[in-house]
Protein backbone atom coordinates (compact mmCIF):
# COMPACT_ATOMS: atom_id res chain seq x y z
CA UNK A 1 11.57 18.48 -21.53
CA UNK A 2 13.63 17.11 -18.66
CA UNK A 3 10.59 16.17 -16.60
CA UNK A 4 9.23 14.04 -19.45
CA UNK A 5 12.66 12.48 -19.95
CA UNK A 6 12.87 11.57 -16.26
CA UNK A 7 9.37 10.14 -16.38
CA UNK A 8 10.23 7.93 -19.37
CA UNK A 9 13.42 6.76 -17.63
CA UNK A 10 11.42 5.95 -14.50
CA UNK A 11 8.89 3.98 -16.57
CA UNK A 12 11.67 1.87 -18.08
CA UNK A 13 13.33 1.15 -14.72
CA UNK A 14 9.95 0.33 -13.15
CA UNK A 15 9.16 -2.13 -15.93
CA UNK A 16 12.57 -3.77 -15.54
CA UNK A 17 12.11 -3.92 -11.77
CA UNK A 18 8.74 -5.65 -12.20
CA UNK A 19 10.49 -8.55 -13.99
CA UNK A 20 13.30 -8.80 -11.44
CA UNK A 21 15.97 -6.63 -13.09
CA UNK A 22 17.30 -4.16 -10.52
CA UNK A 23 19.87 -1.38 -10.93
CA UNK A 24 22.19 -0.02 -8.27
CA UNK A 25 21.39 3.56 -7.26
CA UNK A 26 24.75 4.83 -8.57
CA UNK A 27 24.25 3.00 -11.87
CA UNK A 28 20.87 4.69 -12.29
CA UNK A 29 22.54 8.05 -11.64
CA UNK A 30 25.17 7.39 -14.35
CA UNK A 31 22.47 6.23 -16.79
CA UNK A 32 20.61 9.48 -16.20
CA UNK A 33 23.73 11.60 -16.75
CA UNK A 34 24.74 9.73 -19.91
CA UNK A 35 21.25 10.13 -21.38
CA UNK A 36 21.35 13.94 -21.26
CA UNK A 37 21.95 15.89 -24.51
CA UNK A 38 25.16 17.79 -25.31
CA UNK A 39 23.74 21.05 -23.96
CA UNK A 40 24.05 19.51 -20.48
CA UNK A 41 27.76 18.66 -20.79
CA UNK A 42 28.81 21.37 -18.33
CA UNK A 43 26.40 20.09 -15.70
CA UNK A 44 27.42 16.46 -16.28
CA UNK A 45 31.10 17.39 -15.93
CA UNK A 46 30.47 19.34 -12.72
CA UNK A 47 28.49 16.49 -11.16
CA UNK A 48 30.98 13.79 -12.16
CA UNK A 49 34.04 15.71 -10.94
CA UNK A 50 32.51 16.87 -7.66
CA UNK A 51 31.46 13.41 -6.44
CA UNK A 52 35.05 12.40 -5.59
CA UNK A 53 35.21 9.08 -3.78
CA UNK A 54 31.56 9.30 -2.74
CA UNK A 55 28.96 7.39 -4.70
CA UNK A 56 26.46 9.33 -6.76
CA UNK A 57 22.84 9.14 -5.68
CA UNK A 58 20.09 9.06 -8.27
CA UNK A 59 17.76 11.32 -6.28
CA UNK A 60 20.49 13.92 -5.82
CA UNK A 61 21.38 13.99 -9.53
CA UNK A 62 17.72 14.11 -10.53
CA UNK A 63 16.99 17.05 -8.22
CA UNK A 64 20.02 18.94 -9.49
CA UNK A 65 18.96 18.49 -13.12
CA UNK A 66 15.44 19.69 -12.37
CA UNK A 67 16.82 22.66 -10.46
CA UNK A 68 19.11 23.53 -13.38
CA UNK A 69 16.23 23.44 -15.85
CA UNK A 70 14.19 25.72 -13.60
CA UNK A 71 17.10 28.16 -13.54
CA UNK A 72 17.28 28.05 -17.34
CA UNK A 73 13.57 28.73 -17.61
CA UNK A 74 13.74 31.64 -15.22
CA UNK A 75 16.70 32.99 -17.18
CA UNK A 76 14.47 33.22 -20.26
CA UNK A 77 15.06 29.96 -22.10
CA UNK A 78 11.85 28.38 -23.32
CA UNK A 79 10.58 25.19 -21.79
CA UNK A 80 7.13 23.68 -21.97
CA UNK A 81 7.56 21.12 -19.22
CA UNK A 82 5.98 21.62 -15.85
CA UNK A 83 9.03 21.01 -13.67
CA UNK A 84 8.51 20.05 -10.08
CA UNK A 85 11.09 19.18 -7.48
CA UNK A 86 11.86 19.04 -3.80
CA UNK A 87 13.31 21.84 -1.74
CA UNK A 88 14.82 19.95 1.19
CA UNK A 89 15.48 22.39 3.96
CA UNK A 90 18.21 21.94 6.53
CA UNK A 91 20.56 19.75 4.44
CA UNK A 92 24.23 20.56 4.56
CA UNK A 93 26.29 21.15 1.45
CA UNK A 94 28.49 18.11 2.06
CA UNK A 95 25.67 15.73 1.16
CA UNK A 96 26.05 16.13 -2.57
CA UNK A 97 23.59 17.59 -5.01
CA UNK A 98 20.38 16.04 -3.68
CA UNK A 99 17.50 17.85 -2.11
CA UNK A 100 16.48 20.49 -4.65
CA UNK A 101 17.04 24.22 -4.50
CA UNK A 102 18.03 24.89 -0.90
CA UNK A 103 19.43 28.25 0.14
CA UNK A 104 22.91 26.76 0.29
CA UNK A 105 22.67 25.61 -3.33
CA UNK A 106 21.36 28.92 -4.56
CA UNK A 107 24.30 30.65 -2.93
CA UNK A 108 26.84 28.17 -4.29
CA UNK A 109 26.50 28.94 -7.98
CA UNK A 110 30.06 27.91 -8.76
CA UNK A 111 29.48 24.21 -8.12
CA UNK A 112 25.76 23.86 -8.57
CA UNK A 113 24.29 26.10 -11.22
CA UNK A 114 25.92 28.68 -13.40
CA UNK A 115 29.47 29.23 -14.57
CA UNK A 116 28.75 32.78 -15.71
CA UNK A 117 30.01 35.95 -14.07
CA UNK A 118 27.20 37.15 -11.79
CA UNK A 119 28.07 40.81 -12.48
CA UNK A 120 26.86 40.47 -16.08
CA UNK A 121 23.62 38.65 -15.25
CA UNK A 122 20.41 40.61 -15.73
CA UNK A 123 17.33 39.74 -13.68
CA UNK A 124 14.27 39.02 -15.83
CA UNK A 125 11.97 40.18 -13.02
CA UNK A 126 13.29 43.59 -11.88
CA UNK A 127 15.74 44.32 -14.72
CA UNK A 128 18.73 44.81 -12.42
CA UNK A 129 22.05 43.01 -12.79
CA UNK A 130 23.87 40.78 -10.33
CA UNK A 131 21.28 38.10 -9.66
CA UNK A 132 18.87 35.70 -11.32
CA UNK A 133 15.11 35.96 -11.37
CA UNK A 134 14.74 33.17 -8.79
CA UNK A 135 17.06 35.16 -6.46
CA UNK A 136 15.13 38.40 -6.93
CA UNK A 137 13.69 39.90 -3.74
CA UNK A 138 11.29 42.14 -5.65
CA UNK A 139 7.65 41.20 -6.02
CA UNK A 140 6.97 38.77 -8.84
CA UNK A 141 4.84 39.87 -11.78
CA UNK A 142 1.31 38.50 -11.69
CA UNK A 143 1.31 37.08 -15.21
CA UNK A 144 4.64 35.36 -14.58
CA UNK A 145 3.45 33.83 -11.32
CA UNK A 146 0.87 31.83 -13.23
CA UNK A 147 3.43 30.38 -15.61
CA UNK A 148 6.26 29.60 -13.20
CA UNK A 149 7.27 26.08 -12.32
CA UNK A 150 5.71 24.43 -9.33
CA UNK A 151 8.33 23.65 -6.71
CA UNK A 152 7.01 21.69 -3.76
CA UNK A 153 8.89 20.71 -0.65
CA UNK A 154 8.49 20.12 3.04
CA UNK A 155 10.41 21.22 6.09
CA UNK A 156 10.91 17.58 7.00
CA UNK A 157 13.62 17.12 4.37
CA UNK A 158 12.76 13.95 2.46
CA UNK A 159 9.02 14.44 2.02
CA UNK A 160 8.33 15.64 -1.52
CA UNK A 161 5.23 16.55 -3.48
CA UNK A 162 4.95 17.11 -7.20
CA UNK A 163 1.87 18.91 -8.50
CA UNK A 164 0.71 21.62 -10.87
CA UNK A 165 -1.28 24.41 -9.28
CA UNK A 166 -4.39 24.31 -11.40
CA UNK A 167 -8.06 23.94 -10.55
CA UNK A 168 -8.85 21.29 -7.97
CA UNK A 169 -10.06 17.99 -9.37
CA UNK A 170 -11.43 14.73 -8.04
CA UNK A 171 -9.16 12.31 -9.92
CA UNK A 172 -5.94 10.97 -8.42
CA UNK A 173 -2.54 11.40 -10.07
CA UNK A 174 0.17 8.73 -9.88
CA UNK A 175 3.36 10.50 -8.84
CA UNK A 176 6.69 8.68 -8.96
CA UNK A 177 8.49 11.41 -6.98
CA UNK A 178 5.99 12.06 -4.20
CA UNK A 179 7.04 10.66 -0.84
CA UNK A 180 3.48 10.19 0.40
CA UNK A 181 -0.16 10.14 -0.71
CA UNK A 182 -1.89 13.52 -0.32
CA UNK A 183 -5.27 15.18 -0.85
CA UNK A 184 -6.99 18.41 0.11
CA UNK A 185 -10.41 16.84 0.74
CA UNK A 186 -10.87 16.22 4.46
CA UNK A 187 -14.20 14.48 3.90
CA UNK A 188 -12.38 11.64 2.12
CA UNK A 189 -10.63 10.51 5.31
CA UNK A 190 -11.48 7.85 7.82
CA UNK A 191 -9.61 7.49 11.12
CA UNK A 192 -8.46 11.06 10.56
CA UNK A 193 -5.70 12.21 12.93
CA UNK A 194 -5.21 15.99 12.98
CA UNK A 195 -1.82 17.46 13.79
CA UNK A 196 0.98 19.73 12.68
CA UNK A 197 2.96 17.43 10.37
CA UNK A 198 5.09 20.06 8.67
CA UNK A 199 4.73 22.34 5.68
CA UNK A 200 4.82 22.14 1.91
CA UNK A 201 6.59 25.02 0.13
CA UNK A 202 5.39 26.04 -3.32
CA UNK A 203 7.19 27.84 -6.14
CA UNK A 204 6.04 31.29 -5.03
CA UNK A 205 7.58 30.73 -1.57
CA UNK A 206 4.12 30.30 -0.01
CA UNK A 207 3.79 27.48 2.49
CA UNK A 208 0.94 25.01 2.90
CA UNK A 209 0.29 23.27 6.20
CA UNK A 210 -0.02 19.50 6.45
CA UNK A 211 -3.10 19.47 8.65
CA UNK A 212 -3.33 15.75 9.40
CA UNK A 213 -3.35 12.26 7.99
CA UNK A 214 -5.50 9.16 7.78
CA UNK A 215 -6.85 6.53 5.41
CA UNK A 216 -8.86 7.14 2.24
CA UNK A 217 -11.05 4.59 0.48
CA UNK A 218 -11.37 4.86 -3.30
CA UNK A 219 -13.88 2.87 -5.33
CA UNK A 220 -12.04 2.13 -8.56
CA UNK A 221 -12.61 -0.47 -11.29
CA UNK A 222 -15.45 -2.01 -9.31
CA UNK A 223 -13.45 -2.62 -6.13
CA UNK A 224 -12.62 -0.61 -3.03
CA UNK A 225 -8.98 0.40 -2.56
CA UNK A 226 -7.77 1.70 0.79
CA UNK A 227 -4.85 4.14 0.81
CA UNK A 228 -3.10 4.41 4.17
CA UNK A 229 -1.12 7.30 5.66
CA UNK A 230 -2.61 9.89 3.31
CA UNK A 231 -1.62 13.47 4.20
CA UNK A 232 -4.26 16.18 4.35
CA UNK A 233 -3.00 19.38 2.70
CA UNK A 234 -5.96 21.81 2.38
CA UNK A 235 -4.27 24.01 -0.26
CA UNK A 236 -3.24 21.13 -2.51
CA UNK A 237 -4.91 21.15 -5.92
CA UNK A 238 -4.35 17.54 -6.99
CA UNK A 239 -4.93 14.25 -5.24
CA UNK A 240 -1.59 12.41 -5.32
CA UNK A 241 -0.81 8.70 -5.13
CA UNK A 242 2.85 8.11 -4.29
CA UNK A 243 4.39 5.31 -6.35
CA UNK A 244 7.20 5.08 -3.80
CA UNK A 245 4.81 4.60 -0.89
CA UNK A 246 2.92 1.96 -2.89
CA UNK A 247 6.20 0.09 -3.40
CA UNK A 248 6.90 0.24 0.34
CA UNK A 249 3.45 -1.26 0.97
CA UNK A 250 4.13 -4.18 -1.37
CA UNK A 251 2.38 -2.91 -4.51
CA UNK A 252 3.86 -3.07 -8.02
CA UNK A 253 3.21 -0.18 -10.40
CA UNK A 254 3.74 -0.82 -14.10
CA UNK A 255 3.65 1.89 -16.79
CA UNK A 256 3.26 0.63 -20.35
CA UNK A 257 2.76 3.23 -23.06
CA UNK A 258 -0.33 5.23 -22.18
CA UNK A 259 -1.54 2.64 -19.66
CA UNK A 260 -0.71 2.00 -16.03
CA UNK A 261 -1.53 -0.82 -13.64
CA UNK A 262 -1.14 -1.33 -9.90
CA UNK A 263 -1.08 -4.90 -8.61
CA UNK A 264 -0.30 -6.83 -5.46
CA UNK A 265 0.63 -10.43 -5.98
CA UNK A 266 -1.69 -11.89 -8.62
CA UNK A 267 -4.45 -9.35 -7.97
CA UNK A 268 -4.82 -6.15 -10.00
CA UNK A 269 -5.80 -3.31 -7.67
CA UNK A 270 -6.27 -0.48 -10.17
CA UNK A 271 -5.61 0.42 -13.78
CA UNK A 272 -6.02 3.45 -16.02
CA UNK A 273 -4.77 5.49 -18.96
CA UNK A 274 -2.52 8.49 -19.39
CA UNK A 275 -4.28 11.86 -19.57
CA UNK A 276 -2.09 14.47 -21.22
CA UNK A 277 1.23 14.20 -19.40
CA UNK A 278 -0.24 12.72 -16.22
CA UNK A 279 -1.21 9.21 -15.23
CA UNK A 280 -4.65 9.66 -13.65
CA UNK A 281 -7.34 7.42 -12.26
CA UNK A 282 -10.52 7.16 -14.31
CA UNK A 283 -14.00 7.14 -12.83
CA UNK A 284 -12.76 7.01 -9.24
CA UNK A 285 -15.25 7.86 -6.54
CA UNK A 286 -14.59 8.25 -2.85
CA UNK A 287 -16.34 6.55 0.01
CA UNK A 288 -16.97 9.50 2.29
CA UNK A 289 -16.13 8.63 5.87
CA UNK A 290 -18.96 9.43 8.30
CA UNK A 291 -18.03 10.22 11.87
CA UNK A 292 -19.80 7.79 14.19
CA UNK A 293 -19.83 7.28 17.92
CA UNK A 294 -19.73 3.51 17.95
CA UNK A 295 -21.37 1.49 20.68
CA UNK A 296 -18.88 -0.02 23.18
CA UNK A 297 -21.27 -2.97 23.63
CA UNK A 298 -20.80 -3.81 19.95
CA UNK A 299 -16.99 -3.74 20.27
CA UNK A 300 -17.24 -5.87 23.43
CA UNK A 301 -18.96 -8.57 21.36
CA UNK A 302 -16.64 -8.08 18.36
CA UNK A 303 -13.62 -8.70 20.57
CA UNK A 304 -14.96 -12.00 21.84
CA UNK A 305 -16.59 -10.54 24.99
CA UNK A 306 -13.35 -8.95 26.16
CA UNK A 307 -13.25 -7.65 29.72
CA UNK A 308 -13.69 -3.96 30.45
CA UNK A 309 -10.09 -3.79 31.68
CA UNK A 310 -8.77 -5.24 28.43
CA UNK A 311 -10.81 -2.79 26.37
CA UNK A 312 -9.50 0.13 28.44
CA UNK A 313 -5.93 -0.98 27.74
CA UNK A 314 -6.64 -1.16 24.00
CA UNK A 315 -8.35 2.24 24.08
CA UNK A 316 -5.37 3.80 25.88
CA UNK A 317 -3.11 2.49 23.10
CA UNK A 318 -5.45 4.04 20.48
CA UNK A 319 -6.42 0.66 19.09
CA UNK A 320 -10.09 1.65 19.30
CA UNK A 321 -10.05 5.24 17.96
CA UNK A 322 -13.77 5.29 17.12
CA UNK A 323 -14.82 4.76 20.75
CA UNK A 324 -15.24 7.72 23.06
CA UNK A 325 -16.15 5.66 26.13
CA UNK A 326 -15.42 2.10 27.27
CA UNK A 327 -18.38 1.84 29.63
CA UNK A 328 -20.71 -0.88 28.39
CA UNK A 329 -23.81 -2.55 29.80
CA UNK A 330 -23.86 -5.75 31.80
CA UNK A 331 -23.43 -8.63 29.36
CA UNK A 332 -25.81 -11.52 30.02
CA UNK A 333 -23.77 -13.87 27.84
CA UNK A 334 -20.63 -13.19 29.93
CA UNK A 335 -22.52 -13.91 33.16
CA UNK A 336 -23.95 -17.18 31.88
CA UNK A 337 -20.65 -18.20 30.34
CA UNK A 338 -18.79 -17.81 33.64
CA UNK A 339 -21.32 -19.74 35.71
CA UNK A 340 -20.26 -23.13 36.99
CA UNK A 341 -22.25 -25.91 35.38
CA UNK A 342 -23.16 -29.18 37.04
CA UNK A 343 -21.33 -31.94 35.23
CA UNK A 344 -23.14 -34.97 33.89
CA UNK A 345 -22.41 -38.30 35.49
CA UNK A 346 -20.38 -40.39 33.11
CA UNK A 347 -21.16 -44.08 33.00
CA UNK A 348 -18.23 -46.40 32.43
CA UNK A 349 -18.36 -48.34 29.19
CA UNK A 350 -18.11 -52.05 29.70
CA UNK A 351 -16.66 -53.66 26.58
CA UNK A 352 -18.01 -56.97 25.37
CA UNK A 353 -16.14 -60.08 26.42
CA UNK A 354 -15.72 -61.65 22.99
CA UNK A 355 -14.86 -60.46 19.50
CA UNK A 356 -17.79 -59.90 17.10
CA UNK A 357 -20.20 -60.11 20.01
CA UNK A 358 -21.29 -56.54 19.27
CA UNK A 359 -20.43 -54.53 16.11
CA UNK A 360 -21.13 -50.84 15.41
CA UNK A 361 -21.64 -49.66 11.82
CA UNK A 362 -22.09 -46.25 10.25
CA UNK A 363 -22.23 -44.74 6.74
CA UNK A 364 -20.76 -41.34 5.81
CA UNK A 365 -21.28 -39.30 2.65
CA UNK A 366 -21.63 -38.05 0.04
CA UNK A 367 -18.47 -35.95 -0.17
CA UNK A 368 -18.45 -32.84 -2.36
CA UNK A 369 -15.35 -34.03 -4.24
CA UNK A 370 -15.03 -37.59 -5.45
CA UNK A 371 -11.83 -39.57 -4.94
CA UNK A 372 -9.59 -40.59 -7.84
CA UNK A 373 -11.52 -43.84 -8.05
CA UNK A 374 -14.87 -42.03 -8.03
CA UNK A 375 -15.76 -42.95 -4.42
CA UNK A 376 -18.08 -40.61 -2.52
CA UNK A 377 -19.15 -42.70 0.54
CA UNK A 378 -17.56 -44.96 3.11
CA UNK A 379 -18.93 -47.43 5.66
CA UNK A 380 -17.23 -48.42 8.93
CA UNK A 381 -17.50 -51.55 11.08
CA UNK A 382 -16.18 -51.31 14.67
CA UNK A 383 -15.79 -54.31 16.96
CA UNK A 384 -16.88 -53.34 20.48
CA UNK A 385 -14.46 -55.76 22.18
CA UNK A 386 -11.20 -54.97 20.35
CA UNK A 387 -12.19 -51.48 18.99
CA UNK A 388 -10.78 -52.55 15.65
CA UNK A 389 -12.14 -50.58 12.69
CA UNK A 390 -12.74 -51.72 9.10
CA UNK A 391 -13.47 -49.12 6.42
CA UNK A 392 -14.87 -49.62 2.90
CA UNK A 393 -15.11 -46.87 0.31
CA UNK A 394 -18.21 -46.81 -1.91
CA UNK A 395 -19.32 -45.07 -5.09
CA UNK A 396 -23.00 -45.21 -4.14
CA UNK A 397 -24.89 -45.64 -0.90
CA UNK A 398 -26.65 -48.69 -2.29
CA UNK A 399 -23.34 -50.61 -2.12
CA UNK A 400 -23.41 -50.74 1.71
CA UNK A 401 -25.01 -54.19 1.94
CA UNK A 402 -22.56 -55.71 -0.53
CA UNK A 403 -19.69 -54.26 1.51
CA UNK A 404 -21.20 -55.76 4.67
CA UNK A 405 -21.41 -59.24 3.13
CA UNK A 406 -17.77 -59.05 2.02
CA UNK A 407 -16.66 -57.87 5.46
CA UNK A 408 -18.79 -60.49 7.30
CA UNK A 409 -17.35 -63.37 5.28
CA UNK A 410 -13.81 -62.09 5.85
CA UNK A 411 -13.94 -61.56 9.64
CA UNK A 412 -15.86 -64.75 10.37
CA UNK A 413 -13.35 -66.72 8.32
CA UNK A 414 -10.39 -65.07 10.10
CA UNK A 415 -11.72 -65.37 13.67
CA UNK A 416 -13.81 -68.53 13.44
CA UNK A 417 -16.57 -66.61 15.26
CA UNK A 418 -20.03 -65.47 14.23
CA UNK A 419 -21.36 -61.91 14.40
CA UNK A 420 -23.93 -61.86 17.18
CA UNK A 421 -25.23 -58.28 17.07
CA UNK A 422 -24.92 -55.37 14.60
CA UNK A 423 -25.94 -51.82 15.51
CA UNK A 424 -26.41 -49.03 12.94
CA UNK A 425 -28.54 -45.95 12.42
CA UNK A 426 -30.18 -47.47 9.33
CA UNK A 427 -28.15 -45.15 7.15
CA UNK A 428 -27.36 -47.94 4.71
């Protein structure tokens, strides 16, 4: 099972990457080729000799191997793996072996697929010679359509989906080869943006439209997880989470045995167990997005009482997609806030003529965290003439008077003057 082998190889490289061990793309390609059994020697030789001075790309080698296994299956050799790969349309043949089974690759059997004489090949679909079953233009048999591999691709080249066409289900599947998140359930989306975003081509040559994209919120493991840039594909049968897109968004996906975990920094976003051959979410439920015509007055207040002109600029740049209109009512707070207020007359402070003639004192505390010495309060003494400040830290508020006596003896001894007046708020 090549698909299972690739999945195990991806798990190992992902685990190594999570601990800081990275492999060059060409090294990964050589590791993949060297791990294939002897039955693949012809393919390995063809790939190695055709690369020339160009570096091998892991994605190209992987897609070629998957394409070759599909050809073997359609030629009658048994395989139990559900092989899925990308059909990248519009790529030229000078880009190597990447991109799946394009028309150019199917026509270039000498370098890409079979080394047999095409005149002796018998089609397993129509019974005629000269072509393979996947090249047959006759209608496919119904019972074989159900068992054929699922080949998914898009007309945009690099966008790939991997899925088995079974009954639709609510769980999400972690897909290491998908280029984007995807679901068929439109009601899952919020900030949904409809549009023609390309097509997905399935194994029976039928195409599925990408009808739009948006964000989807999933309640998983007791927390809400927001997936961004999720594609809406109405005919898709599985909800896909792209491991590659998660990596681009700063998430780390770790596969360990039958378990998987997605984290960002020190926080675990989601976790689950393997179900069959797929890594699926367990007990996930979706927060259905409800279309609402939000009140522009509410957004005016949310944006710090922004002007109508500023809100129109933001709306024109699609920064406020939930608003249909920017017209809001007259804001009383804005009117009062822009009124000119009469200033209070400030009286000039006349400092005292001598030191210690007038002293201000205040007590602060308790603090929520004690100092290293266990202090939770402090008391200040401020001389009105010199504005000099003395500060004493206290463990308890009852120590204020003792601190005052110590300070009084010190300053009167230093200055030779007596304290004439002390003002406080009776906090001590």
